[in-house]
Amino acid sequence: ISLYYFHAIFASGLSADMLFLSLSFYCVASAMLLTCSN
């Protein structure tokens, strides 16, 4: 997220696809880890 936003504002910008996939992966992984840890 940091890489995407700072590069977008101070440089030419990166594709948002990696940002969307990273956030989607975060939601899946965090849910599974929460299930396993509780």
PDB file of all heavy atoms in Angstrom:
ATOM      1  N   ILE A   1       0.832  -1.204   0.000  1.00  0.00           N
ATOM      2  CA  ILE A   1       0.000   0.000   0.000  1.00  0.00           C
ATOM      3  C   ILE A   1       0.871   1.259   0.000  1.00  0.00           C
ATOM      4  O   ILE A   1       0.632   2.197  -0.768  1.00  0.00           O
ATOM      5  CB  ILE A   1      -0.930  -0.001   1.226  1.00  0.00           C
ATOM      6  CG1 ILE A   1      -1.916  -1.169   1.128  1.00  0.00           C
ATOM      7  CG2 ILE A   1      -1.692   1.308   1.342  1.00  0.00           C
ATOM      8  CD1 ILE A   1      -2.754  -1.353   2.373  1.00  0.00           C
ATOM      9  N   SER A   2       1.889   1.269   0.864  1.00  0.00           N
ATOM     10  CA  SER A   2       2.770   2.439   0.943  1.00  0.00           C
ATOM     11  C   SER A   2       3.480   2.677  -0.380  1.00  0.00           C
ATOM     12  O   SER A   2       3.560   3.811  -0.877  1.00  0.00           O
ATOM     13  CB  SER A   2       3.806   2.239   2.052  1.00  0.00           C
ATOM     14  OG  SER A   2       3.183   2.014   3.283  1.00  0.00           O
ATOM     15  N   LEU A   3       4.011   1.602  -0.957  1.00  0.00           N
ATOM     16  CA  LEU A   3       4.715   1.716  -2.227  1.00  0.00           C
ATOM     17  C   LEU A   3       3.803   2.279  -3.303  1.00  0.00           C
ATOM     18  O   LEU A   3       4.188   3.182  -4.061  1.00  0.00           O
ATOM     19  CB  LEU A   3       5.245   0.346  -2.657  1.00  0.00           C
ATOM     20  CG  LEU A   3       5.946   0.282  -4.017  1.00  0.00           C
ATOM     21  CD1 LEU A   3       7.202   1.138  -3.994  1.00  0.00           C
ATOM     22  CD2 LEU A   3       6.289  -1.155  -4.370  1.00  0.00           C
ATOM     23  N   TYR A   4       2.569   1.796  -3.350  1.00  0.00           N
ATOM     24  CA  TYR A   4       1.634   2.243  -4.391  1.00  0.00           C
ATOM     25  C   TYR A   4       1.316   3.734  -4.234  1.00  0.00           C
ATOM     26  O   TYR A   4       1.421   4.506  -5.187  1.00  0.00           O
ATOM     27  CB  TYR A   4       0.345   1.431  -4.333  1.00  0.00           C
ATOM     28  CG  TYR A   4      -0.727   1.976  -5.247  1.00  0.00           C
ATOM     29  CD1 TYR A   4      -0.689   1.706  -6.614  1.00  0.00           C
ATOM     30  CD2 TYR A   4      -1.753   2.780  -4.756  1.00  0.00           C
ATOM     31  CE1 TYR A   4      -1.648   2.216  -7.471  1.00  0.00           C
ATOM     32  CE2 TYR A   4      -2.715   3.297  -5.613  1.00  0.00           C
ATOM     33  CZ  TYR A   4      -2.662   3.004  -6.957  1.00  0.00           C
ATOM     34  OH  TYR A   4      -3.606   3.525  -7.793  1.00  0.00           O
ATOM     35  N   TYR A   5       0.916   4.159  -3.036  1.00  0.00           N
ATOM     36  CA  TYR A   5       0.460   5.539  -2.856  1.00  0.00           C
ATOM     37  C   TYR A   5       1.590   6.541  -3.001  1.00  0.00           C
ATOM     38  O   TYR A   5       1.429   7.588  -3.646  1.00  0.00           O
ATOM     39  CB  TYR A   5      -0.225   5.702  -1.496  1.00  0.00           C
ATOM     40  CG  TYR A   5      -1.643   5.200  -1.494  1.00  0.00           C
ATOM     41  CD1 TYR A   5      -2.009   4.096  -0.739  1.00  0.00           C
ATOM     42  CD2 TYR A   5      -2.634   5.819  -2.253  1.00  0.00           C
ATOM     43  CE1 TYR A   5      -3.310   3.622  -0.738  1.00  0.00           C
ATOM     44  CE2 TYR A   5      -3.934   5.360  -2.260  1.00  0.00           C
ATOM     45  CZ  TYR A   5      -4.266   4.257  -1.505  1.00  0.00           C
ATOM     46  OH  TYR A   5      -5.545   3.795  -1.520  1.00  0.00           O
ATOM     47  N   PHE A   6       2.747   6.245  -2.405  1.00  0.00           N
ATOM     48  CA  PHE A   6       3.845   7.203  -2.511  1.00  0.00           C
ATOM     49  C   PHE A   6       4.378   7.283  -3.944  1.00  0.00           C
ATOM     50  O   PHE A   6       4.745   8.353  -4.424  1.00  0.00           O
ATOM     51  CB  PHE A   6       4.972   6.829  -1.538  1.00  0.00           C
ATOM     52  CG  PHE A   6       4.695   7.249  -0.126  1.00  0.00           C
ATOM     53  CD1 PHE A   6       4.628   6.303   0.894  1.00  0.00           C
ATOM     54  CD2 PHE A   6       4.480   8.572   0.209  1.00  0.00           C
ATOM     55  CE1 PHE A   6       4.362   6.680   2.209  1.00  0.00           C
ATOM     56  CE2 PHE A   6       4.215   8.963   1.509  1.00  0.00           C
ATOM     57  CZ  PHE A   6       4.155   8.014   2.508  1.00  0.00           C
ATOM     58  N   HIS A   7       4.402   6.141  -4.630  1.00  0.00           N
ATOM     59  CA  HIS A   7       4.857   6.155  -6.018  1.00  0.00           C
ATOM     60  C   HIS A   7       3.843   6.881  -6.899  1.00  0.00           C
ATOM     61  O   HIS A   7       4.209   7.588  -7.841  1.00  0.00           O
ATOM     62  CB  HIS A   7       5.060   4.729  -6.518  1.00  0.00           C
ATOM     63  CG  HIS A   7       5.932   4.641  -7.738  1.00  0.00           C
ATOM     64  ND1 HIS A   7       5.466   4.905  -9.004  1.00  0.00           N
ATOM     65  CD2 HIS A   7       7.243   4.328  -7.872  1.00  0.00           C
ATOM     66  CE1 HIS A   7       6.446   4.755  -9.878  1.00  0.00           C
ATOM     67  NE2 HIS A   7       7.527   4.405  -9.229  1.00  0.00           N
ATOM     68  N   ALA A   8       2.561   6.732  -6.574  1.00  0.00           N
ATOM     69  CA  ALA A   8       1.520   7.386  -7.369  1.00  0.00           C
ATOM     70  C   ALA A   8       1.558   8.903  -7.213  1.00  0.00           C
ATOM     71  O   ALA A   8       1.269   9.636  -8.162  1.00  0.00           O
ATOM     72  CB  ALA A   8       0.147   6.855  -6.959  1.00  0.00           C
ATOM     73  N   ILE A   9       1.916   9.370  -6.025  1.00  0.00           N
ATOM     74  CA  ILE A   9       1.860  10.814  -5.783  1.00  0.00           C
ATOM     75  C   ILE A   9       3.175  11.513  -6.144  1.00  0.00           C
ATOM     76  O   ILE A   9       3.181  12.655  -6.578  1.00  0.00           O
ATOM     77  CB  ILE A   9       1.475  11.105  -4.313  1.00  0.00           C
ATOM     78  CG1 ILE A   9       0.960  12.537  -4.179  1.00  0.00           C
ATOM     79  CG2 ILE A   9       2.620  10.861  -3.369  1.00  0.00           C
ATOM     80  CD1 ILE A   9      -0.306  12.824  -4.908  1.00  0.00           C
ATOM     81  N   PHE A  10       4.301  10.796  -5.984  1.00  0.00           N
ATOM     82  CA  PHE A  10       5.587  11.448  -6.218  1.00  0.00           C
ATOM     83  C   PHE A  10       6.254  11.023  -7.527  1.00  0.00           C
ATOM     84  O   PHE A  10       7.259  11.582  -7.915  1.00  0.00           O
ATOM     85  CB  PHE A  10       6.543  11.173  -5.054  1.00  0.00           C
ATOM     86  CG  PHE A  10       6.095  11.787  -3.768  1.00  0.00           C
ATOM     87  CD1 PHE A  10       5.696  11.007  -2.697  1.00  0.00           C
ATOM     88  CD2 PHE A  10       6.042  13.164  -3.625  1.00  0.00           C
ATOM     89  CE1 PHE A  10       5.276  11.581  -1.503  1.00  0.00           C
ATOM     90  CE2 PHE A  10       5.622  13.748  -2.435  1.00  0.00           C
ATOM     91  CZ  PHE A  10       5.242  12.957  -1.379  1.00  0.00           C
ATOM     92  N   ALA A  11       5.698  10.002  -8.188  1.00  0.00           N
ATOM     93  CA  ALA A  11       6.277   9.536  -9.457  1.00  0.00           C
ATOM     94  C   ALA A  11       5.152   9.373 -10.473  1.00  0.00           C
ATOM     95  O   ALA A  11       4.097   9.967 -10.348  1.00  0.00           O
ATOM     96  CB  ALA A  11       7.055   8.231  -9.250  1.00  0.00           C
ATOM     97  N   SER A  12       5.373   8.530 -11.437  1.00  0.00           N
ATOM     98  CA  SER A  12       4.386   8.399 -12.509  1.00  0.00           C
ATOM     99  C   SER A  12       3.214   7.522 -12.133  1.00  0.00           C
ATOM    100  O   SER A  12       2.194   7.527 -12.800  1.00  0.00           O
ATOM    101  CB  SER A  12       5.079   7.809 -13.749  1.00  0.00           C
ATOM    102  OG  SER A  12       5.628   6.529 -13.432  1.00  0.00           O
ATOM    103  N   GLY A  13       3.342   6.747 -11.079  1.00  0.00           N
ATOM    104  CA  GLY A  13       2.224   5.900 -10.662  1.00  0.00           C
ATOM    105  C   GLY A  13       2.422   4.453 -11.055  1.00  0.00           C
ATOM    106  O   GLY A  13       3.046   4.123 -12.065  1.00  0.00           O
ATOM    107  N   LEU A  14       1.906   3.553 -10.249  1.00  0.00           N
ATOM    108  CA  LEU A  14       1.957   2.121 -10.513  1.00  0.00           C
ATOM    109  C   LEU A  14       0.549   1.611 -10.769  1.00  0.00           C
ATOM    110  O   LEU A  14      -0.436   2.249 -10.426  1.00  0.00           O
ATOM    111  CB  LEU A  14       2.564   1.369  -9.309  1.00  0.00           C
ATOM    112  CG  LEU A  14       4.014   1.698  -8.961  1.00  0.00           C
ATOM    113  CD1 LEU A  14       4.387   1.017  -7.656  1.00  0.00           C
ATOM    114  CD2 LEU A  14       4.941   1.241 -10.067  1.00  0.00           C
ATOM    115  N   SER A  15       0.454   0.417 -11.334  1.00  0.00           N
ATOM    116  CA  SER A  15      -0.849  -0.180 -11.564  1.00  0.00           C
ATOM    117  C   SER A  15      -1.497  -0.523 -10.228  1.00  0.00           C
ATOM    118  O   SER A  15      -0.834  -0.977  -9.292  1.00  0.00           O
ATOM    119  CB  SER A  15      -0.687  -1.453 -12.407  1.00  0.00           C
ATOM    120  OG  SER A  15      -1.900  -2.149 -12.477  1.00  0.00           O
ATOM    121  N   ALA A  16      -2.817  -0.319 -10.164  1.00  0.00           N
ATOM    122  CA  ALA A  16      -3.550  -0.610  -8.924  1.00  0.00           C
ATOM    123  C   ALA A  16      -3.854  -2.091  -8.768  1.00  0.00           C
ATOM    124  O   ALA A  16      -4.362  -2.502  -7.726  1.00  0.00           O
ATOM    125  CB  ALA A  16      -4.856   0.186  -8.901  1.00  0.00           C
ATOM    126  N   ASP A  17      -3.549  -2.895  -9.797  1.00  0.00           N
ATOM    127  CA  ASP A  17      -3.889  -4.318  -9.734  1.00  0.00           C
ATOM    128  C   ASP A  17      -3.199  -5.011  -8.564  1.00  0.00           C
ATOM    129  O   ASP A  17      -3.810  -5.809  -7.844  1.00  0.00           O
ATOM    130  CB  ASP A  17      -3.500  -5.019 -11.041  1.00  0.00           C
ATOM    131  CG  ASP A  17      -4.227  -4.426 -12.237  1.00  0.00           C
ATOM    132  OD1 ASP A  17      -5.362  -3.931 -12.033  1.00  0.00           O
ATOM    133  OD2 ASP A  17      -3.676  -4.446 -13.351  1.00  0.00           O
ATOM    134  N   MET A  18      -1.910  -4.719  -8.359  1.00  0.00           N
ATOM    135  CA  MET A  18      -1.176  -5.326  -7.255  1.00  0.00           C
ATOM    136  C   MET A  18      -1.751  -4.907  -5.911  1.00  0.00           C
ATOM    137  O   MET A  18      -1.825  -5.712  -4.970  1.00  0.00           O
ATOM    138  CB  MET A  18       0.305  -4.942  -7.343  1.00  0.00           C
ATOM    139  CG  MET A  18       1.181  -5.609  -6.274  1.00  0.00           C
ATOM    140  SD  MET A  18       1.136  -7.415  -6.359  1.00  0.00           S
ATOM    141  CE  MET A  18       1.997  -7.674  -7.900  1.00  0.00           C
ATOM    142  N   LEU A  19      -2.193  -3.649  -5.813  1.00  0.00           N
ATOM    143  CA  LEU A  19      -2.806  -3.165  -4.575  1.00  0.00           C
ATOM    144  C   LEU A  19      -4.098  -3.909  -4.281  1.00  0.00           C
ATOM    145  O   LEU A  19      -4.333  -4.357  -3.161  1.00  0.00           O
ATOM    146  CB  LEU A  19      -3.074  -1.664  -4.695  1.00  0.00           C
ATOM    147  CG  LEU A  19      -3.755  -0.993  -3.512  1.00  0.00           C
ATOM    148  CD1 LEU A  19      -2.870  -1.047  -2.275  1.00  0.00           C
ATOM    149  CD2 LEU A  19      -4.100   0.451  -3.854  1.00  0.00           C
ATOM    150  N   PHE A  20      -4.951  -4.075  -5.302  1.00  0.00           N
ATOM    151  CA  PHE A  20      -6.219  -4.779  -5.109  1.00  0.00           C
ATOM    152  C   PHE A  20      -5.991  -6.234  -4.707  1.00  0.00           C
ATOM    153  O   PHE A  20      -6.648  -6.757  -3.802  1.00  0.00           O
ATOM    154  CB  PHE A  20      -7.050  -4.722  -6.398  1.00  0.00           C
ATOM    155  CG  PHE A  20      -7.563  -3.345  -6.725  1.00  0.00           C
ATOM    156  CD1 PHE A  20      -7.692  -2.928  -8.041  1.00  0.00           C
ATOM    157  CD2 PHE A  20      -7.912  -2.456  -5.725  1.00  0.00           C
ATOM    158  CE1 PHE A  20      -8.164  -1.666  -8.344  1.00  0.00           C
ATOM    159  CE2 PHE A  20      -8.385  -1.186  -6.016  1.00  0.00           C
ATOM    160  CZ  PHE A  20      -8.512  -0.792  -7.332  1.00  0.00           C
ATOM    161  N   LEU A  21      -5.050  -6.903  -5.384  1.00  0.00           N
ATOM    162  CA  LEU A  21      -4.778  -8.305  -5.073  1.00  0.00           C
ATOM    163  C   LEU A  21      -4.162  -8.456  -3.679  1.00  0.00           C
ATOM    164  O   LEU A  21      -4.460  -9.414  -2.963  1.00  0.00           O
ATOM    165  CB  LEU A  21      -3.850  -8.910  -6.134  1.00  0.00           C
ATOM    166  CG  LEU A  21      -4.485  -9.136  -7.509  1.00  0.00           C
ATOM    167  CD1 LEU A  21      -3.449  -9.620  -8.506  1.00  0.00           C
ATOM    168  CD2 LEU A  21      -5.639 -10.131  -7.424  1.00  0.00           C
ATOM    169  N   SER A  22      -3.299  -7.502  -3.287  1.00  0.00           N
ATOM    170  CA  SER A  22      -2.689  -7.564  -1.955  1.00  0.00           C
ATOM    171  C   SER A  22      -3.740  -7.430  -0.861  1.00  0.00           C
ATOM    172  O   SER A  22      -3.721  -8.181   0.128  1.00  0.00           O
ATOM    173  CB  SER A  22      -1.645  -6.449  -1.805  1.00  0.00           C
ATOM    174  OG  SER A  22      -0.596  -6.622  -2.710  1.00  0.00           O
ATOM    175  N   LEU A  23      -4.679  -6.502  -1.036  1.00  0.00           N
ATOM    176  CA  LEU A  23      -5.731  -6.324  -0.038  1.00  0.00           C
ATOM    177  C   LEU A  23      -6.665  -7.534   0.001  1.00  0.00           C
ATOM    178  O   LEU A  23      -7.113  -7.946   1.077  1.00  0.00           O
ATOM    179  CB  LEU A  23      -6.520  -5.051  -0.338  1.00  0.00           C
ATOM    180  CG  LEU A  23      -5.782  -3.748  -0.045  1.00  0.00           C
ATOM    181  CD1 LEU A  23      -6.549  -2.558  -0.593  1.00  0.00           C
ATOM    182  CD2 LEU A  23      -5.558  -3.575   1.453  1.00  0.00           C
ATOM    183  N   SER A  24      -6.963  -8.114  -1.152  1.00  0.00           N
ATOM    184  CA  SER A  24      -7.811  -9.310  -1.185  1.00  0.00           C
ATOM    185  C   SER A  24      -7.116 -10.479  -0.497  1.00  0.00           C
ATOM    186  O   SER A  24      -7.734 -11.232   0.268  1.00  0.00           O
ATOM    187  CB  SER A  24      -8.149  -9.676  -2.635  1.00  0.00           C
ATOM    188  OG  SER A  24      -8.860  -8.639  -3.261  1.00  0.00           O
ATOM    189  N   PHE A  25      -5.805 -10.627  -0.767  1.00  0.00           N
ATOM    190  CA  PHE A  25      -5.045 -11.682  -0.098  1.00  0.00           C
ATOM    191  C   PHE A  25      -4.999 -11.456   1.408  1.00  0.00           C
ATOM    192  O   PHE A  25      -5.116 -12.400   2.201  1.00  0.00           O
ATOM    193  CB  PHE A  25      -3.620 -11.732  -0.665  1.00  0.00           C
ATOM    194  CG  PHE A  25      -2.686 -12.608   0.129  1.00  0.00           C
ATOM    195  CD1 PHE A  25      -2.769 -13.979   0.039  1.00  0.00           C
ATOM    196  CD2 PHE A  25      -1.743 -12.040   0.974  1.00  0.00           C
ATOM    197  CE1 PHE A  25      -1.909 -14.794   0.791  1.00  0.00           C
ATOM    198  CE2 PHE A  25      -0.898 -12.836   1.720  1.00  0.00           C
ATOM    199  CZ  PHE A  25      -0.972 -14.226   1.622  1.00  0.00           C
ATOM    200  N   TYR A  26      -4.840 -10.200   1.809  1.00  0.00           N
ATOM    201  CA  TYR A  26      -4.819  -9.873   3.244  1.00  0.00           C
ATOM    202  C   TYR A  26      -6.109 -10.316   3.925  1.00  0.00           C
ATOM    203  O   TYR A  26      -6.081 -10.887   5.018  1.00  0.00           O
ATOM    204  CB  TYR A  26      -4.610  -8.373   3.427  1.00  0.00           C
ATOM    205  CG  TYR A  26      -5.031  -7.863   4.788  1.00  0.00           C
ATOM    206  CD1 TYR A  26      -4.211  -8.054   5.897  1.00  0.00           C
ATOM    207  CD2 TYR A  26      -6.255  -7.216   4.963  1.00  0.00           C
ATOM    208  CE1 TYR A  26      -4.608  -7.609   7.143  1.00  0.00           C
ATOM    209  CE2 TYR A  26      -6.649  -6.767   6.205  1.00  0.00           C
ATOM    210  CZ  TYR A  26      -5.827  -6.970   7.290  1.00  0.00           C
ATOM    211  OH  TYR A  26      -6.230  -6.529   8.531  1.00  0.00           O
ATOM    212  N   CYS A  27      -7.263 -10.060   3.295  1.00  0.00           N
ATOM    213  CA  CYS A  27      -8.552 -10.422   3.895  1.00  0.00           C
ATOM    214  C   CYS A  27      -8.660 -11.929   4.072  1.00  0.00           C
ATOM    215  O   CYS A  27      -9.119 -12.416   5.118  1.00  0.00           O
ATOM    216  CB  CYS A  27      -9.701  -9.914   3.027  1.00  0.00           C
ATOM    217  SG  CYS A  27      -9.842  -8.122   2.965  1.00  0.00           S
ATOM    218  N   VAL A  28      -8.246 -12.693   3.056  1.00  0.00           N
ATOM    219  CA  VAL A  28      -8.325 -14.156   3.133  1.00  0.00           C
ATOM    220  C   VAL A  28      -7.353 -14.687   4.185  1.00  0.00           C
ATOM    221  O   VAL A  28      -7.719 -15.499   5.048  1.00  0.00           O
ATOM    222  CB  VAL A  28      -8.029 -14.786   1.759  1.00  0.00           C
ATOM    223  CG1 VAL A  28      -8.017 -16.307   1.856  1.00  0.00           C
ATOM    224  CG2 VAL A  28      -9.074 -14.342   0.736  1.00  0.00           C
ATOM    225  N   ALA A  29      -6.089 -14.235   4.115  1.00  0.00           N
ATOM    226  CA  ALA A  29      -5.063 -14.752   5.026  1.00  0.00           C
ATOM    227  C   ALA A  29      -5.351 -14.382   6.476  1.00  0.00           C
ATOM    228  O   ALA A  29      -5.201 -15.210   7.382  1.00  0.00           O
ATOM    229  CB  ALA A  29      -3.689 -14.226   4.611  1.00  0.00           C
ATOM    230  N   SER A  30      -5.778 -13.147   6.726  1.00  0.00           N
ATOM    231  CA  SER A  30      -6.058 -12.730   8.105  1.00  0.00           C
ATOM    232  C   SER A  30      -7.231 -13.504   8.684  1.00  0.00           C
ATOM    233  O   SER A  30      -7.220 -13.872   9.863  1.00  0.00           O
ATOM    234  CB  SER A  30      -6.343 -11.218   8.153  1.00  0.00           C
ATOM    235  OG  SER A  30      -7.472 -10.889   7.377  1.00  0.00           O
ATOM    236  N   ALA A  31      -8.260 -13.779   7.852  1.00  0.00           N
ATOM    237  CA  ALA A  31      -9.403 -14.558   8.340  1.00  0.00           C
ATOM    238  C   ALA A  31      -8.979 -15.964   8.722  1.00  0.00           C
ATOM    239  O   ALA A  31      -9.387 -16.494   9.773  1.00  0.00           O
ATOM    240  CB  ALA A  31     -10.500 -14.602   7.275  1.00  0.00           C
ATOM    241  N   MET A  32      -8.154 -16.598   7.892  1.00  0.00           N
ATOM    242  CA  MET A  32      -7.707 -17.968   8.183  1.00  0.00           C
ATOM    243  C   MET A  32      -6.821 -18.012   9.423  1.00  0.00           C
ATOM    244  O   MET A  32      -6.946 -18.918  10.264  1.00  0.00           O
ATOM    245  CB  MET A  32      -6.955 -18.528   6.975  1.00  0.00           C
ATOM    246  CG  MET A  32      -7.840 -18.794   5.774  1.00  0.00           C
ATOM    247  SD  MET A  32      -6.934 -19.460   4.374  1.00  0.00           S
ATOM    248  CE  MET A  32      -8.273 -19.760   3.219  1.00  0.00           C
ATOM    249  N   LEU A  33      -5.917 -17.038   9.546  1.00  0.00           N
ATOM    250  CA  LEU A  33      -5.041 -17.000  10.718  1.00  0.00           C
ATOM    251  C   LEU A  33      -5.834 -16.726  12.000  1.00  0.00           C
ATOM    252  O   LEU A  33      -5.530 -17.269  13.060  1.00  0.00           O
ATOM    253  CB  LEU A  33      -3.949 -15.948  10.535  1.00  0.00           C
ATOM    254  CG  LEU A  33      -2.851 -16.315   9.532  1.00  0.00           C
ATOM    255  CD1 LEU A  33      -1.975 -15.109   9.233  1.00  0.00           C
ATOM    256  CD2 LEU A  33      -2.002 -17.464  10.064  1.00  0.00           C
ATOM    257  N   LEU A  34      -6.864 -15.877  11.905  1.00  0.00           N
ATOM    258  CA  LEU A  34      -7.720 -15.632  13.066  1.00  0.00           C
ATOM    259  C   LEU A  34      -8.437 -16.904  13.491  1.00  0.00           C
ATOM    260  O   LEU A  34      -8.547 -17.209  14.678  1.00  0.00           O
ATOM    261  CB  LEU A  34      -8.747 -14.544  12.738  1.00  0.00           C
ATOM    262  CG  LEU A  34      -8.351 -13.093  12.991  1.00  0.00           C
ATOM    263  CD1 LEU A  34      -9.504 -12.174  12.611  1.00  0.00           C
ATOM    264  CD2 LEU A  34      -7.971 -12.873  14.449  1.00  0.00           C
ATOM    265  N   THR A  35      -8.941 -17.646  12.501  1.00  0.00           N
ATOM    266  CA  THR A  35      -9.637 -18.900  12.804  1.00  0.00           C
ATOM    267  C   THR A  35      -8.703 -19.882  13.499  1.00  0.00           C
ATOM    268  O   THR A  35      -9.099 -20.548  14.465  1.00  0.00           O
ATOM    269  CB  THR A  35     -10.190 -19.528  11.511  1.00  0.00           C
ATOM    270  OG1 THR A  35     -11.010 -18.582  10.843  1.00  0.00           O
ATOM    271  CG2 THR A  35     -11.015 -20.764  11.814  1.00  0.00           C
ATOM    272  N   CYS A  36      -7.476 -19.972  13.011  1.00  0.00           N
ATOM    273  CA  CYS A  36      -6.515 -20.928  13.591  1.00  0.00           C
ATOM    274  C   CYS A  36      -6.024 -20.492  14.970  1.00  0.00           C
ATOM    275  O   CYS A  36      -5.712 -21.345  15.812  1.00  0.00           O
ATOM    276  CB  CYS A  36      -5.328 -21.104  12.658  1.00  0.00           C
ATOM    277  SG  CYS A  36      -5.736 -21.854  11.075  1.00  0.00           S
ATOM    278  N   SER A  37      -5.944 -19.186  15.219  1.00  0.00           N
ATOM    279  CA  SER A  37      -5.351 -18.709  16.475  1.00  0.00           C
ATOM    280  C   SER A  37      -6.358 -18.622  17.616  1.00  0.00           C
ATOM    281  O   SER A  37      -5.955 -18.584  18.783  1.00  0.00           O
ATOM    282  CB  SER A  37      -4.715 -17.327  16.258  1.00  0.00           C
ATOM    283  OG  SER A  37      -5.704 -16.374  15.908  1.00  0.00           O
ATOM    284  N   ASN A  38      -7.656 -18.593  17.304  1.00  0.00           N
ATOM    285  CA  ASN A  38      -8.672 -18.453  18.350  1.00  0.00           C
ATOM    286  C   ASN A  38      -9.273 -19.814  18.676  1.00  0.00           C
ATOM    287  O   ASN A  38      -9.753 -20.524  17.776  1.00  0.00           O
ATOM    288  CB  ASN A  38      -9.759 -17.476  17.890  1.00  0.00           C
ATOM    289  CG  ASN A  38     -10.759 -17.169  18.989  1.00  0.00           C
ATOM    290  OD1 ASN A  38     -11.781 -17.836  19.115  1.00  0.00           O
ATOM    291  ND2 ASN A  38     -10.469 -16.167  19.795  1.00  0.00           N
TER     292      ASN A  38
END
